[in-house]
């Protein structure tokens, strides 16, 4: 049987692909409950294709290994894909759907009230742009001023 999406992806003939175009393939998905799995299932359901999620795994590494074995295709964050590039025989093709371009945000209390380890993490995530004793509004100008 012809599998055009998988063949085009594996032959690197696509610069990018829409998620719905991949719904002709079996999908390997992460466990139910992850935000990415929820979004993918919602979109597939709206297209009447919730049946494409034939296999569920607990890690992106497991997903990539099953993709490498030809079991199906998988959707994972670009940062996760980079970890496996070159170590497995899988081609990574970006999704071109607008929803696939997202930003992660950290929710925290006032920066100066955080434990030192959390302050260090926030400083790292903000590329060291704010000192460790900076109030949260320095890290995020949209942060509501909670000082009295």
Protein backbone atom coordinates (compact mmCIF):
# COMPACT_ATOMS: atom_id res chain seq x y z
CA UNK A 1 0.00 0.00 0.00
CA UNK A 2 1.16 3.52 -0.78
CA UNK A 3 2.05 5.74 2.17
CA UNK A 4 2.72 9.15 0.56
CA UNK A 5 3.24 11.19 3.74
CA UNK A 6 5.69 8.69 5.25
CA UNK A 7 7.57 8.27 1.96
CA UNK A 8 7.84 12.02 1.41
CA UNK A 9 9.05 12.54 4.97
CA UNK A 10 11.53 9.66 4.94
CA UNK A 11 12.92 10.75 1.56
CA UNK A 12 13.33 14.32 2.86
CA UNK A 13 11.26 15.71 -0.01
CA UNK A 14 9.28 17.95 2.32
CA UNK A 15 10.52 21.20 3.84
CA UNK A 16 7.58 21.05 6.25
CA UNK A 17 4.25 19.30 6.62
CA UNK A 18 0.83 20.12 8.04
CA UNK A 19 -0.23 17.86 10.89
CA UNK A 20 -3.45 16.94 9.07
CA UNK A 21 -1.39 15.73 6.08
CA UNK A 22 0.30 13.22 8.40
CA UNK A 23 -3.04 11.74 9.47
CA UNK A 24 -2.84 9.22 6.64
CA UNK A 25 -0.12 7.49 8.72
CA UNK A 26 -0.20 5.54 11.96
CA UNK A 27 0.94 7.78 14.80
CA UNK A 28 3.03 6.93 17.81
CA UNK A 29 2.00 9.29 20.59
CA UNK A 30 3.07 10.04 24.12
CA UNK A 31 0.85 8.97 26.97
CA UNK A 32 -2.54 10.62 27.40
CA UNK A 33 -2.30 13.65 29.64
CA UNK A 34 0.66 15.44 28.12
CA UNK A 35 -0.22 18.83 26.66
CA UNK A 36 1.17 17.90 23.23
CA UNK A 37 -0.76 14.61 23.14
CA UNK A 38 -3.93 16.46 24.11
CA UNK A 39 -3.54 19.03 21.32
CA UNK A 40 -2.75 16.37 18.71
CA UNK A 41 -5.71 14.22 19.75
CA UNK A 42 -8.05 17.23 19.66
CA UNK A 43 -6.96 18.18 16.13
CA UNK A 44 -7.11 14.58 14.88
CA UNK A 45 -10.57 14.18 16.45
CA UNK A 46 -11.82 17.34 14.73
CA UNK A 47 -10.64 15.80 11.45
CA UNK A 48 -12.39 12.52 12.32
CA UNK A 49 -9.05 10.68 12.65
CA UNK A 50 -8.55 9.95 16.36
CA UNK A 51 -7.94 6.35 15.24
CA UNK A 52 -4.44 7.20 13.93
CA UNK A 53 -2.92 7.02 17.42
CA UNK A 54 -2.20 3.31 17.31
CA UNK A 55 0.67 3.23 19.81
CA UNK A 56 1.31 5.13 23.05
CA UNK A 57 4.75 5.42 24.64
CA UNK A 58 6.11 6.97 27.81
CA UNK A 59 9.10 8.79 26.30
CA UNK A 60 10.23 10.59 23.19
CA UNK A 61 13.15 8.17 22.92
CA UNK A 62 10.71 5.24 22.70
CA UNK A 63 8.72 7.17 20.11
CA UNK A 64 11.82 7.79 17.99
CA UNK A 65 12.89 4.13 18.21
CA UNK A 66 9.47 2.95 17.02
CA UNK A 67 9.52 5.49 14.19
CA UNK A 68 12.99 4.22 13.26
CA UNK A 69 11.56 0.67 13.20
CA UNK A 70 8.87 1.79 10.73
CA UNK A 71 5.91 1.45 13.12
CA UNK A 72 4.55 4.92 12.36
CA UNK A 73 5.28 8.63 12.58
CA UNK A 74 5.64 10.70 15.74
CA UNK A 75 5.22 14.35 16.65
CA UNK A 76 7.62 15.84 19.18
CA UNK A 77 9.00 19.23 20.14
CA UNK A 78 11.91 20.51 18.05
CA UNK A 79 14.11 20.67 21.16
CA UNK A 80 13.46 16.97 21.78
CA UNK A 81 14.04 16.09 18.13
CA UNK A 82 17.46 17.77 18.23
CA UNK A 83 18.55 15.39 21.00
CA UNK A 84 18.02 12.39 18.73
CA UNK A 85 19.23 13.84 15.42
CA UNK A 86 22.20 11.87 14.18
CA UNK A 87 21.85 9.09 16.75
CA UNK A 88 18.96 7.32 15.02
CA UNK A 89 17.93 6.87 11.39
CA UNK A 90 14.92 9.16 11.45
CA UNK A 91 14.21 12.29 9.43
CA UNK A 92 12.72 15.23 11.31
CA UNK A 93 10.43 17.53 9.30
CA UNK A 94 8.93 20.63 10.93
CA UNK A 95 5.17 21.06 11.20
CA UNK A 96 3.95 24.17 9.40
CA UNK A 97 0.74 24.54 11.41
CA UNK A 98 0.42 27.89 13.25
CA UNK A 99 -0.43 26.08 16.53
CA UNK A 100 2.87 24.16 16.34
CA UNK A 101 4.86 27.35 17.02
CA UNK A 102 4.49 27.88 20.74
CA UNK A 103 6.31 29.49 23.62
CA UNK A 104 6.73 27.97 27.04
CA UNK A 105 6.40 30.21 30.08
CA UNK A 106 7.42 29.78 33.68
CA UNK A 107 4.94 30.56 36.44
CA UNK A 108 6.50 31.63 39.73
CA UNK A 109 6.06 33.81 42.75
CA UNK A 110 8.09 37.02 43.13
CA UNK A 111 11.65 36.25 42.07
CA UNK A 112 13.23 37.48 45.33
CA UNK A 113 10.98 35.12 47.33
CA UNK A 114 12.06 32.01 45.43
CA UNK A 115 14.58 29.51 46.80
CA UNK A 116 18.10 30.06 45.45
CA UNK A 117 17.90 27.06 43.09
CA UNK A 118 14.69 28.38 41.53
CA UNK A 119 16.26 31.85 41.23
CA UNK A 120 19.22 30.29 39.43
CA UNK A 121 16.90 28.44 37.05
CA UNK A 122 14.95 31.61 36.25
CA UNK A 123 18.19 33.54 35.69
CA UNK A 124 19.34 30.82 33.28
CA UNK A 125 16.00 30.73 31.44
CA UNK A 126 16.04 34.51 31.07
CA UNK A 127 19.60 34.26 29.67
CA UNK A 128 21.04 36.01 32.71
CA UNK A 129 19.30 39.24 31.75
CA UNK A 130 18.13 39.89 35.31
CA UNK A 131 20.09 39.67 38.56
CA UNK A 132 19.14 36.95 41.01
CA UNK A 133 17.59 39.45 43.42
CA UNK A 134 15.49 41.15 40.73
CA UNK A 135 11.76 41.45 41.27
CA UNK A 136 9.63 39.36 38.92
CA UNK A 137 8.57 42.42 36.91
CA UNK A 138 12.24 42.79 35.83
CA UNK A 139 12.09 39.29 34.36
CA UNK A 140 8.66 39.86 32.84
CA UNK A 141 7.44 43.47 32.43
CA UNK A 142 3.86 42.20 32.15
CA UNK A 143 4.06 40.80 35.70
CA UNK A 144 1.55 42.57 37.94
CA UNK A 145 3.12 44.76 40.59
CA UNK A 146 2.38 43.05 43.88
CA UNK A 147 4.57 45.28 46.07
CA UNK A 148 2.72 47.21 48.76
